[in-house]
Amino acid sequence: MAAKKKTTVKYRPAPGYVLIEPRVPEKKTASGIYLPESSDEKPQEGKVLAVGDPIVEKDQKINSPAKVGQTVIYKKWGGTEIKLEGTEYIFAKFDDILAISTR
C-alpha cells in the first residue's frame, strides 16, 4: 500500500481566502471504463491546506467556515486557479465555500 503524499504549504492565503487542493477526478468508472481527458469536468471538491486571517466587514469579524484538513465543496467558477511546482491549487474566498464534509 502506497503512503499518502503529504502536502506542505509554502504560501499563506490573504485575509478572507483559503488555499484548496482540488480532488483529482477519477479517470476510470466504477465498471472499469477509462475516460478520456476531454471528459474531465472541473472539480468542485478539495482539501483545505491553509486559511487566511479573518476579514472585517461592516464592523463584523468574518472567520473562515472551514479549517485546515477539511474537505469542502466550492463554487464551480469561484476562486483563482494557480499551478505551483506542478500541482494545481485554488485560492477561494470564504464565501466561495458551499459545504464542508462531515466525514
PDB file of N, CA and C in Angstrom:
ATOM      1  N   MET A   1       0.840  -1.174   0.000  1.00  0.00           N
ATOM      2  CA  MET A   1       0.000   0.000   0.000  1.00  0.00           C
ATOM      3  C   MET A   1       0.885   1.237   0.000  1.00  0.00           C
ATOM      4  N   ALA A   2       0.643   2.157  -0.897  1.00  0.00           N
ATOM      5  CA  ALA A   2       1.464   3.348  -1.028  1.00  0.00           C
ATOM      6  C   ALA A   2       1.132   4.352   0.065  1.00  0.00           C
ATOM      7  N   ALA A   3       2.140   5.062   0.536  1.00  0.00           N
ATOM      8  CA  ALA A   3       1.930   6.085   1.555  1.00  0.00           C
ATOM      9  C   ALA A   3       1.270   7.301   0.910  1.00  0.00           C
ATOM     10  N   LYS A   4       0.384   7.940   1.661  1.00  0.00           N
ATOM     11  CA  LYS A   4      -0.301   9.117   1.150  1.00  0.00           C
ATOM     12  C   LYS A   4       0.657  10.298   1.143  1.00  0.00           C
ATOM     13  N   LYS A   5       0.650  11.050   0.047  1.00  0.00           N
ATOM     14  CA  LYS A   5       1.525  12.201  -0.113  1.00  0.00           C
ATOM     15  C   LYS A   5       1.100  13.319   0.834  1.00  0.00           C
ATOM     16  N   LYS A   6       2.035  13.847   1.605  1.00  0.00           N
ATOM     17  CA  LYS A   6       1.746  14.956   2.497  1.00  0.00           C
ATOM     18  C   LYS A   6       2.086  16.248   1.777  1.00  0.00           C
ATOM     19  N   THR A   7       1.147  17.166   1.743  1.00  0.00           N
ATOM     20  CA  THR A   7       1.341  18.431   1.069  1.00  0.00           C
ATOM     21  C   THR A   7       1.860  19.457   2.058  1.00  0.00           C
ATOM     22  N   THR A   8       2.979  20.098   1.720  1.00  0.00           N
ATOM     23  CA  THR A   8       3.496  21.170   2.555  1.00  0.00           C
ATOM     24  C   THR A   8       3.152  22.495   1.881  1.00  0.00           C
ATOM     25  N   VAL A   9       2.676  23.419   2.670  1.00  0.00           N
ATOM     26  CA  VAL A   9       2.222  24.701   2.145  1.00  0.00           C
ATOM     27  C   VAL A   9       3.299  25.752   2.369  1.00  0.00           C
ATOM     28  N   LYS A  10       3.686  26.415   1.286  1.00  0.00           N
ATOM     29  CA  LYS A  10       4.696  27.465   1.367  1.00  0.00           C
ATOM     30  C   LYS A  10       4.069  28.854   1.286  1.00  0.00           C
ATOM     31  N   TYR A  11       2.752  28.901   1.104  1.00  0.00           N
ATOM     32  CA  TYR A  11       2.043  30.169   0.959  1.00  0.00           C
ATOM     33  C   TYR A  11       0.921  30.257   1.971  1.00  0.00           C
ATOM     34  N   ARG A  12       0.730  31.434   2.512  1.00  0.00           N
ATOM     35  CA  ARG A  12      -0.381  31.682   3.421  1.00  0.00           C
ATOM     36  C   ARG A  12      -1.372  32.573   2.689  1.00  0.00           C
ATOM     37  N   PRO A  13      -2.630  32.165   2.613  1.00  0.00           N
ATOM     38  CA  PRO A  13      -3.619  32.971   1.901  1.00  0.00           C
ATOM     39  C   PRO A  13      -3.804  34.348   2.534  1.00  0.00           C
ATOM     40  N   ALA A  14      -4.176  35.304   1.717  1.00  0.00           N
ATOM     41  CA  ALA A  14      -4.501  36.642   2.197  1.00  0.00           C
ATOM     42  C   ALA A  14      -5.763  36.573   3.055  1.00  0.00           C
ATOM     43  N   PRO A  15      -6.010  37.590   3.879  1.00  0.00           N
ATOM     44  CA  PRO A  15      -7.238  37.580   4.686  1.00  0.00           C
ATOM     45  C   PRO A  15      -8.474  37.385   3.813  1.00  0.00           C
ATOM     46  N   GLY A  16      -9.371  36.510   4.268  1.00  0.00           N
ATOM     47  CA  GLY A  16     -10.611  36.250   3.546  1.00  0.00           C
ATOM     48  C   GLY A  16     -10.526  35.139   2.517  1.00  0.00           C
ATOM     49  N   TYR A  17      -9.360  34.474   2.414  1.00  0.00           N
ATOM     50  CA  TYR A  17      -9.161  33.411   1.425  1.00  0.00           C
ATOM     51  C   TYR A  17      -8.711  32.105   2.072  1.00  0.00           C
ATOM     52  N   VAL A  18      -8.992  31.003   1.389  1.00  0.00           N
ATOM     53  CA  VAL A  18      -8.482  29.692   1.777  1.00  0.00           C
ATOM     54  C   VAL A  18      -7.734  29.100   0.586  1.00  0.00           C
ATOM     55  N   LEU A  19      -6.747  28.278   0.862  1.00  0.00           N
ATOM     56  CA  LEU A  19      -5.998  27.573  -0.176  1.00  0.00           C
ATOM     57  C   LEU A  19      -6.518  26.142  -0.211  1.00  0.00           C
ATOM     58  N   ILE A  20      -6.996  25.716  -1.402  1.00  0.00           N
ATOM     59  CA  ILE A  20      -7.610  24.397  -1.561  1.00  0.00           C
ATOM     60  C   ILE A  20      -6.841  23.596  -2.593  1.00  0.00           C
ATOM     61  N   GLU A  21      -6.629  22.317  -2.287  1.00  0.00           N
ATOM     62  CA  GLU A  21      -6.065  21.389  -3.257  1.00  0.00           C
ATOM     63  C   GLU A  21      -7.240  20.606  -3.842  1.00  0.00           C
ATOM     64  N   PRO A  22      -7.599  20.857  -5.116  1.00  0.00           N
ATOM     65  CA  PRO A  22      -8.748  20.174  -5.709  1.00  0.00           C
ATOM     66  C   PRO A  22      -8.564  18.663  -5.749  1.00  0.00           C
ATOM     67  N   ARG A  23      -9.672  17.953  -5.585  1.00  0.00           N
ATOM     68  CA  ARG A  23      -9.678  16.498  -5.687  1.00  0.00           C
ATOM     69  C   ARG A  23      -9.405  16.134  -7.133  1.00  0.00           C
ATOM     70  N   VAL A  24      -8.572  15.128  -7.339  1.00  0.00           N
ATOM     71  CA  VAL A  24      -8.247  14.672  -8.687  1.00  0.00           C
ATOM     72  C   VAL A  24      -9.405  13.805  -9.173  1.00  0.00           C
ATOM     73  N   PRO A  25     -10.021  14.172 -10.311  1.00  0.00           N
ATOM     74  CA  PRO A  25     -11.147  13.379 -10.800  1.00  0.00           C
ATOM     75  C   PRO A  25     -10.718  11.979 -11.222  1.00  0.00           C
ATOM     76  N   GLU A  26     -11.599  11.014 -11.023  1.00  0.00           N
ATOM     77  CA  GLU A  26     -11.334   9.628 -11.412  1.00  0.00           C
ATOM     78  C   GLU A  26     -11.253   9.529 -12.934  1.00  0.00           C
ATOM     79  N   LYS A  27     -10.305   8.770 -13.409  1.00  0.00           N
ATOM     80  CA  LYS A  27     -10.142   8.538 -14.852  1.00  0.00           C
ATOM     81  C   LYS A  27     -10.827   7.244 -15.279  1.00  0.00           C
ATOM     82  N   LYS A  28     -11.351   6.508 -14.288  1.00  0.00           N
ATOM     83  CA  LYS A  28     -11.951   5.213 -14.556  1.00  0.00           C
ATOM     84  C   LYS A  28     -13.307   5.135 -13.854  1.00  0.00           C
ATOM     85  N   THR A  29     -14.314   4.636 -14.546  1.00  0.00           N
ATOM     86  CA  THR A  29     -15.638   4.494 -13.943  1.00  0.00           C
ATOM     87  C   THR A  29     -15.665   3.280 -13.031  1.00  0.00           C
ATOM     88  N   ALA A  30     -16.759   3.137 -12.276  1.00  0.00           N
ATOM     89  CA  ALA A  30     -16.910   2.013 -11.362  1.00  0.00           C
ATOM     90  C   ALA A  30     -16.911   0.679 -12.114  1.00  0.00           C
ATOM     91  N   SER A  31     -17.350   0.699 -13.363  1.00  0.00           N
ATOM     92  CA  SER A  31     -17.384  -0.535 -14.154  1.00  0.00           C
ATOM     93  C   SER A  31     -16.063  -0.816 -14.871  1.00  0.00           C
ATOM     94  N   GLY A  32     -15.054   0.047 -14.669  1.00  0.00           N
ATOM     95  CA  GLY A  32     -13.736  -0.206 -15.239  1.00  0.00           C
ATOM     96  C   GLY A  32     -13.448   0.466 -16.563  1.00  0.00           C
ATOM     97  N   ILE A  33     -14.326   1.348 -17.019  1.00  0.00           N
ATOM     98  CA  ILE A  33     -14.124   2.049 -18.293  1.00  0.00           C
ATOM     99  C   ILE A  33     -13.263   3.282 -18.037  1.00  0.00           C
ATOM    100  N   TYR A  34     -12.197   3.422 -18.823  1.00  0.00           N
ATOM    101  CA  TYR A  34     -11.324   4.590 -18.706  1.00  0.00           C
ATOM    102  C   TYR A  34     -11.911   5.738 -19.510  1.00  0.00           C
ATOM    103  N   LEU A  35     -11.932   6.926 -18.892  1.00  0.00           N
ATOM    104  CA  LEU A  35     -12.494   8.106 -19.530  1.00  0.00           C
ATOM    105  C   LEU A  35     -11.389   8.934 -20.176  1.00  0.00           C
ATOM    106  N   PRO A  36     -11.669   9.541 -21.335  1.00  0.00           N
ATOM    107  CA  PRO A  36     -10.665  10.405 -21.970  1.00  0.00           C
ATOM    108  C   PRO A  36     -10.530  11.716 -21.195  1.00  0.00           C
ATOM    109  N   GLU A  37      -9.386  12.378 -21.347  1.00  0.00           N
ATOM    110  CA  GLU A  37      -9.166  13.637 -20.644  1.00  0.00           C
ATOM    111  C   GLU A  37     -10.162  14.707 -21.049  1.00  0.00           C
ATOM    112  N   SER A  38     -10.696  14.616 -22.274  1.00  0.00           N
ATOM    113  CA  SER A  38     -11.656  15.610 -22.735  1.00  0.00           C
ATOM    114  C   SER A  38     -12.958  15.549 -21.942  1.00  0.00           C
ATOM    115  N   SER A  39     -13.211  14.448 -21.238  1.00  0.00           N
ATOM    116  CA  SER A  39     -14.431  14.320 -20.452  1.00  0.00           C
ATOM    117  C   SER A  39     -14.269  14.882 -19.046  1.00  0.00           C
ATOM    118  N   ASP A  40     -13.053  15.327 -18.717  1.00  0.00           N
ATOM    119  CA  ASP A  40     -12.801  15.856 -17.377  1.00  0.00           C
ATOM    120  C   ASP A  40     -13.654  17.086 -17.117  1.00  0.00           C
ATOM    121  N   GLU A  41     -14.311  17.074 -15.970  1.00  0.00           N
ATOM    122  CA  GLU A  41     -15.069  18.234 -15.539  1.00  0.00           C
ATOM    123  C   GLU A  41     -14.294  18.886 -14.418  1.00  0.00           C
ATOM    124  N   LYS A  42     -14.339  20.180 -14.369  1.00  0.00           N
ATOM    125  CA  LYS A  42     -13.628  20.925 -13.347  1.00  0.00           C
ATOM    126  C   LYS A  42     -14.101  20.466 -11.961  1.00  0.00           C
ATOM    127  N   PRO A  43     -13.168  20.034 -11.086  1.00  0.00           N
ATOM    128  CA  PRO A  43     -13.586  19.561  -9.762  1.00  0.00           C
ATOM    129  C   PRO A  43     -14.148  20.707  -8.927  1.00  0.00           C
ATOM    130  N   GLN A  44     -15.066  20.380  -8.033  1.00  0.00           N
ATOM    131  CA  GLN A  44     -15.638  21.366  -7.130  1.00  0.00           C
ATOM    132  C   GLN A  44     -15.430  20.945  -5.681  1.00  0.00           C
ATOM    133  N   GLU A  45     -14.586  19.955  -5.473  1.00  0.00           N
ATOM    134  CA  GLU A  45     -14.335  19.439  -4.135  1.00  0.00           C
ATOM    135  C   GLU A  45     -12.833  19.409  -3.909  1.00  0.00           C
ATOM    136  N   GLY A  46     -12.415  19.713  -2.699  1.00  0.00           N
ATOM    137  CA  GLY A  46     -10.993  19.674  -2.409  1.00  0.00           C
ATOM    138  C   GLY A  46     -10.721  19.776  -0.927  1.00  0.00           C
ATOM    139  N   LYS A  47      -9.443  19.681  -0.595  1.00  0.00           N
ATOM    140  CA  LYS A  47      -8.989  19.707   0.794  1.00  0.00           C
ATOM    141  C   LYS A  47      -8.398  21.082   1.102  1.00  0.00           C
ATOM    142  N   VAL A  48      -8.777  21.646   2.245  1.00  0.00           N
ATOM    143  CA  VAL A  48      -8.257  22.943   2.673  1.00  0.00           C
ATOM    144  C   VAL A  48      -6.845  22.748   3.209  1.00  0.00           C
ATOM    145  N   LEU A  49      -5.894  23.457   2.611  1.00  0.00           N
ATOM    146  CA  LEU A  49      -4.489  23.345   3.019  1.00  0.00           C
ATOM    147  C   LEU A  49      -4.048  24.480   3.933  1.00  0.00           C
ATOM    148  N   ALA A  50      -4.654  25.664   3.766  1.00  0.00           N
ATOM    149  CA  ALA A  50      -4.298  26.824   4.584  1.00  0.00           C
ATOM    150  C   ALA A  50      -5.472  27.795   4.605  1.00  0.00           C
ATOM    151  N   VAL A  51      -5.568  28.551   5.689  1.00  0.00           N
ATOM    152  CA  VAL A  51      -6.664  29.502   5.870  1.00  0.00           C
ATOM    153  C   VAL A  51      -6.086  30.872   6.176  1.00  0.00           C
ATOM    154  N   GLY A  52      -6.591  31.885   5.482  1.00  0.00           N
ATOM    155  CA  GLY A  52      -6.164  33.257   5.734  1.00  0.00           C
ATOM    156  C   GLY A  52      -6.807  33.816   6.988  1.00  0.00           C
ATOM    157  N   ASP A  53      -6.335  34.965   7.421  1.00  0.00           N
ATOM    158  CA  ASP A  53      -6.898  35.625   8.602  1.00  0.00           C
ATOM    159  C   ASP A  53      -8.342  36.039   8.345  1.00  0.00           C
ATOM    160  N   PRO A  54      -9.106  36.260   9.423  1.00  0.00           N
ATOM    161  CA  PRO A  54     -10.481  36.725   9.256  1.00  0.00           C
ATOM    162  C   PRO A  54     -10.514  38.097   8.586  1.00  0.00           C
ATOM    163  N   ILE A  55     -11.659  38.429   8.018  1.00  0.00           N
ATOM    164  CA  ILE A  55     -11.840  39.752   7.424  1.00  0.00           C
ATOM    165  C   ILE A  55     -12.867  40.509   8.258  1.00  0.00           C
ATOM    166  N   VAL A  56     -12.872  41.835   8.123  1.00  0.00           N
ATOM    167  CA  VAL A  56     -13.834  42.662   8.841  1.00  0.00           C
ATOM    168  C   VAL A  56     -14.674  43.402   7.807  1.00  0.00           C
ATOM    169  N   GLU A  57     -15.993  43.187   7.888  1.00  0.00           N
ATOM    170  CA  GLU A  57     -16.938  43.880   7.006  1.00  0.00           C
ATOM    171  C   GLU A  57     -18.033  44.478   7.859  1.00  0.00           C
ATOM    172  N   LYS A  58     -18.284  45.758   7.684  1.00  0.00           N
ATOM    173  CA  LYS A  58     -19.334  46.462   8.443  1.00  0.00           C
ATOM    174  C   LYS A  58     -19.176  46.228   9.944  1.00  0.00           C
ATOM    175  N   ASP A  59     -17.955  46.390  10.423  1.00  0.00           N
ATOM    176  CA  ASP A  59     -17.615  46.214  11.843  1.00  0.00           C
ATOM    177  C   ASP A  59     -17.920  44.815  12.376  1.00  0.00           C
ATOM    178  N   GLN A  60     -17.967  43.815  11.480  1.00  0.00           N
ATOM    179  CA  GLN A  60     -18.214  42.439  11.895  1.00  0.00           C
ATOM    180  C   GLN A  60     -17.056  41.565  11.410  1.00  0.00           C
ATOM    181  N   LYS A  61     -16.488  40.774  12.329  1.00  0.00           N
ATOM    182  CA  LYS A  61     -15.381  39.876  12.002  1.00  0.00           C
ATOM    183  C   LYS A  61     -15.936  38.604  11.368  1.00  0.00           C
ATOM    184  N   ILE A  62     -15.413  38.237  10.182  1.00  0.00           N
ATOM    185  CA  ILE A  62     -15.871  37.045   9.474  1.00  0.00           C
ATOM    186  C   ILE A  62     -14.718  36.053   9.403  1.00  0.00           C
ATOM    187  N   ASN A  63     -14.902  34.897  10.056  1.00  0.00           N
ATOM    188  CA  ASN A  63     -13.908  33.827  10.054  1.00  0.00           C
ATOM    189  C   ASN A  63     -14.181  32.865   8.910  1.00  0.00           C
ATOM    190  N   SER A  64     -13.180  32.078   8.574  1.00  0.00           N
ATOM    191  CA  SER A  64     -13.339  31.049   7.555  1.00  0.00           C
ATOM    192  C   SER A  64     -14.340  30.005   8.038  1.00  0.00           C
ATOM    193  N   PRO A  65     -15.221  29.536   7.141  1.00  0.00           N
ATOM    194  CA  PRO A  65     -16.153  28.482   7.538  1.00  0.00           C
ATOM    195  C   PRO A  65     -15.470  27.114   7.650  1.00  0.00           C
ATOM    196  N   ALA A  66     -14.284  26.971   7.076  1.00  0.00           N
ATOM    197  CA  ALA A  66     -13.583  25.686   7.059  1.00  0.00           C
ATOM    198  C   ALA A  66     -12.238  25.804   7.768  1.00  0.00           C
ATOM    199  N   LYS A  67     -11.756  24.654   8.236  1.00  0.00           N
ATOM    200  CA  LYS A  67     -10.459  24.582   8.900  1.00  0.00           C
ATOM    201  C   LYS A  67      -9.503  23.769   8.032  1.00  0.00           C
ATOM    202  N   VAL A  68      -8.214  23.904   8.303  1.00  0.00           N
ATOM    203  CA  VAL A  68      -7.192  23.141   7.594  1.00  0.00           C
ATOM    204  C   VAL A  68      -7.472  21.652   7.754  1.00  0.00           C
ATOM    205  N   GLY A  69      -7.403  20.917   6.641  1.00  0.00           N
ATOM    206  CA  GLY A  69      -7.616  19.477   6.657  1.00  0.00           C
ATOM    207  C   GLY A  69      -9.024  19.051   6.293  1.00  0.00           C
ATOM    208  N   GLN A  70      -9.984  19.971   6.321  1.00  0.00           N
ATOM    209  CA  GLN A  70     -11.355  19.617   5.988  1.00  0.00           C
ATOM    210  C   GLN A  70     -11.547  19.553   4.472  1.00  0.00           C
ATOM    211  N   THR A  71     -12.477  18.712   4.053  1.00  0.00           N
ATOM    212  CA  THR A  71     -12.847  18.622   2.643  1.00  0.00           C
ATOM    213  C   THR A  71     -14.047  19.524   2.427  1.00  0.00           C
ATOM    214  N   VAL A  72     -13.975  20.347   1.383  1.00  0.00           N
ATOM    215  CA  VAL A  72     -15.043  21.307   1.102  1.00  0.00           C
ATOM    216  C   VAL A  72     -15.526  21.188  -0.339  1.00  0.00           C
ATOM    217  N   ILE A  73     -16.734  21.679  -0.566  1.00  0.00           N
ATOM    218  CA  ILE A  73     -17.265  21.856  -1.909  1.00  0.00           C
ATOM    219  C   ILE A  73     -17.308  23.361  -2.126  1.00  0.00           C
ATOM    220  N   TYR A  74     -16.791  23.813  -3.262  1.00  0.00           N
ATOM    221  CA  TYR A  74     -16.733  25.240  -3.535  1.00  0.00           C
ATOM    222  C   TYR A  74     -17.429  25.543  -4.854  1.00  0.00           C
ATOM    223  N   LYS A  75     -17.702  26.835  -5.077  1.00  0.00           N
ATOM    224  CA  LYS A  75     -18.409  27.266  -6.277  1.00  0.00           C
ATOM    225  C   LYS A  75     -17.648  26.831  -7.522  1.00  0.00           C
ATOM    226  N   LYS A  76     -18.394  26.430  -8.538  1.00  0.00           N
ATOM    227  CA  LYS A  76     -17.784  25.935  -9.771  1.00  0.00           C
ATOM    228  C   LYS A  76     -16.859  26.971 -10.401  1.00  0.00           C
ATOM    229  N   TRP A  77     -17.266  28.205 -10.423  1.00  0.00           N
ATOM    230  CA  TRP A  77     -16.440  29.251 -11.047  1.00  0.00           C
ATOM    231  C   TRP A  77     -15.826  30.165  -9.998  1.00  0.00           C
ATOM    232  N   GLY A  78     -15.807  29.708  -8.747  1.00  0.00           N
ATOM    233  CA  GLY A  78     -15.223  30.516  -7.682  1.00  0.00           C
ATOM    234  C   GLY A  78     -13.723  30.277  -7.565  1.00  0.00           C
ATOM    235  N   GLY A  79     -13.060  31.212  -6.969  1.00  0.00           N
ATOM    236  CA  GLY A  79     -11.639  31.056  -6.707  1.00  0.00           C
ATOM    237  C   GLY A  79     -10.753  31.321  -7.905  1.00  0.00           C
ATOM    238  N   THR A  80      -9.460  31.321  -7.650  1.00  0.00           N
ATOM    239  CA  THR A  80      -8.452  31.544  -8.674  1.00  0.00           C
ATOM    240  C   THR A  80      -7.540  30.332  -8.727  1.00  0.00           C
ATOM    241  N   GLU A  81      -7.461  29.723  -9.910  1.00  0.00           N
ATOM    242  CA  GLU A  81      -6.606  28.541 -10.086  1.00  0.00           C
ATOM    243  C   GLU A  81      -5.166  28.982 -10.305  1.00  0.00           C
ATOM    244  N   ILE A  82      -4.252  28.294  -9.630  1.00  0.00           N
ATOM    245  CA  ILE A  82      -2.828  28.540  -9.843  1.00  0.00           C
ATOM    246  C   ILE A  82      -2.109  27.200  -9.892  1.00  0.00           C
ATOM    247  N   LYS A  83      -0.934  27.195 -10.494  1.00  0.00           N
ATOM    248  CA  LYS A  83      -0.125  25.987 -10.561  1.00  0.00           C
ATOM    249  C   LYS A  83       1.221  26.307  -9.918  1.00  0.00           C
ATOM    250  N   LEU A  84       1.549  25.556  -8.859  1.00  0.00           N
ATOM    251  CA  LEU A  84       2.808  25.743  -8.145  1.00  0.00           C
ATOM    252  C   LEU A  84       3.552  24.423  -8.121  1.00  0.00           C
ATOM    253  N   GLU A  85       4.758  24.422  -8.635  1.00  0.00           N
ATOM    254  CA  GLU A  85       5.611  23.226  -8.645  1.00  0.00           C
ATOM    255  C   GLU A  85       4.878  22.013  -9.221  1.00  0.00           C
ATOM    256  N   GLY A  86       4.113  22.249 -10.287  1.00  0.00           N
ATOM    257  CA  GLY A  86       3.439  21.166 -10.987  1.00  0.00           C
ATOM    258  C   GLY A  86       2.112  20.718 -10.402  1.00  0.00           C
ATOM    259  N   THR A  87       1.669  21.328  -9.317  1.00  0.00           N
ATOM    260  CA  THR A  87       0.402  20.954  -8.692  1.00  0.00           C
ATOM    261  C   THR A  87      -0.571  22.123  -8.776  1.00  0.00           C
ATOM    262  N   GLU A  88      -1.835  21.813  -9.095  1.00  0.00           N
ATOM    263  CA  GLU A  88      -2.841  22.861  -9.195  1.00  0.00           C
ATOM    264  C   GLU A  88      -3.504  23.096  -7.843  1.00  0.00           C
ATOM    265  N   TYR A  89      -3.738  24.365  -7.540  1.00  0.00           N
ATOM    266  CA  TYR A  89      -4.403  24.780  -6.313  1.00  0.00           C
ATOM    267  C   TYR A  89      -5.453  25.830  -6.648  1.00  0.00           C
ATOM    268  N   ILE A  90      -6.320  26.103  -5.658  1.00  0.00           N
ATOM    269  CA  ILE A  90      -7.336  27.137  -5.800  1.00  0.00           C
ATOM    270  C   ILE A  90      -7.240  28.054  -4.582  1.00  0.00           C
ATOM    271  N   PHE A  91      -7.175  29.360  -4.822  1.00  0.00           N
ATOM    272  CA  PHE A  91      -7.341  30.342  -3.761  1.00  0.00           C
ATOM    273  C   PHE A  91      -8.787  30.797  -3.869  1.00  0.00           C
ATOM    274  N   ALA A  92      -9.608  30.469  -2.856  1.00  0.00           N
ATOM    275  CA  ALA A  92     -11.030  30.791  -2.883  1.00  0.00           C
ATOM    276  C   ALA A  92     -11.387  31.703  -1.716  1.00  0.00           C
ATOM    277  N   LYS A  93     -12.350  32.591  -1.954  1.00  0.00           N
ATOM    278  CA  LYS A  93     -12.853  33.452  -0.884  1.00  0.00           C
ATOM    279  C   LYS A  93     -13.653  32.601   0.098  1.00  0.00           C
ATOM    280  N   PHE A  94     -13.765  33.087   1.317  1.00  0.00           N
ATOM    281  CA  PHE A  94     -14.551  32.382   2.321  1.00  0.00           C
ATOM    282  C   PHE A  94     -15.952  32.080   1.808  1.00  0.00           C
ATOM    283  N   ASP A  95     -16.577  33.050   1.117  1.00  0.00           N
ATOM    284  CA  ASP A  95     -17.960  32.844   0.664  1.00  0.00           C
ATOM    285  C   ASP A  95     -18.068  31.999  -0.594  1.00  0.00           C
ATOM    286  N   ASP A  96     -16.944  31.536  -1.151  1.00  0.00           N
ATOM    287  CA  ASP A  96     -16.978  30.581  -2.275  1.00  0.00           C
ATOM    288  C   ASP A  96     -17.188  29.154  -1.770  1.00  0.00           C
ATOM    289  N   ILE A  97     -17.045  28.931  -0.469  1.00  0.00           N
ATOM    290  CA  ILE A  97     -17.224  27.596   0.100  1.00  0.00           C
ATOM    291  C   ILE A  97     -18.723  27.353   0.305  1.00  0.00           C
ATOM    292  N   LEU A  98     -19.218  26.293  -0.321  1.00  0.00           N
ATOM    293  CA  LEU A  98     -20.642  25.975  -0.259  1.00  0.00           C
ATOM    294  C   LEU A  98     -20.976  24.961   0.821  1.00  0.00           C
ATOM    295  N   ALA A  99     -20.073  24.010   1.079  1.00  0.00           N
ATOM    296  CA  ALA A  99     -20.336  22.961   2.060  1.00  0.00           C
ATOM    297  C   ALA A  99     -19.025  22.411   2.604  1.00  0.00           C
ATOM    298  N   ILE A 100     -19.107  21.853   3.809  1.00  0.00           N
ATOM    299  CA  ILE A 100     -17.956  21.229   4.456  1.00  0.00           C
ATOM    300  C   ILE A 100     -18.324  19.788   4.754  1.00  0.00           C
ATOM    301  N   SER A 101     -17.441  18.863   4.404  1.00  0.00           N
ATOM    302  CA  SER A 101     -17.707  17.448   4.620  1.00  0.00           C
ATOM    303  C   SER A 101     -17.802  17.137   6.112  1.00  0.00           C
ATOM    304  N   THR A 102     -18.754  16.271   6.457  1.00  0.00           N
ATOM    305  CA  THR A 102     -18.914  15.867   7.852  1.00  0.00           C
ATOM    306  C   THR A 102     -18.258  14.528   8.119  1.00  0.00           C
ATOM    307  N   ARG A 103     -17.579  13.953   7.110  1.00  0.00           N
ATOM    308  CA  ARG A 103     -16.904  12.659   7.281  1.00  0.00           C
ATOM    309  C   ARG A 103     -15.610  12.840   8.014  1.00  0.00           C
TER     310      ARG A 103
END
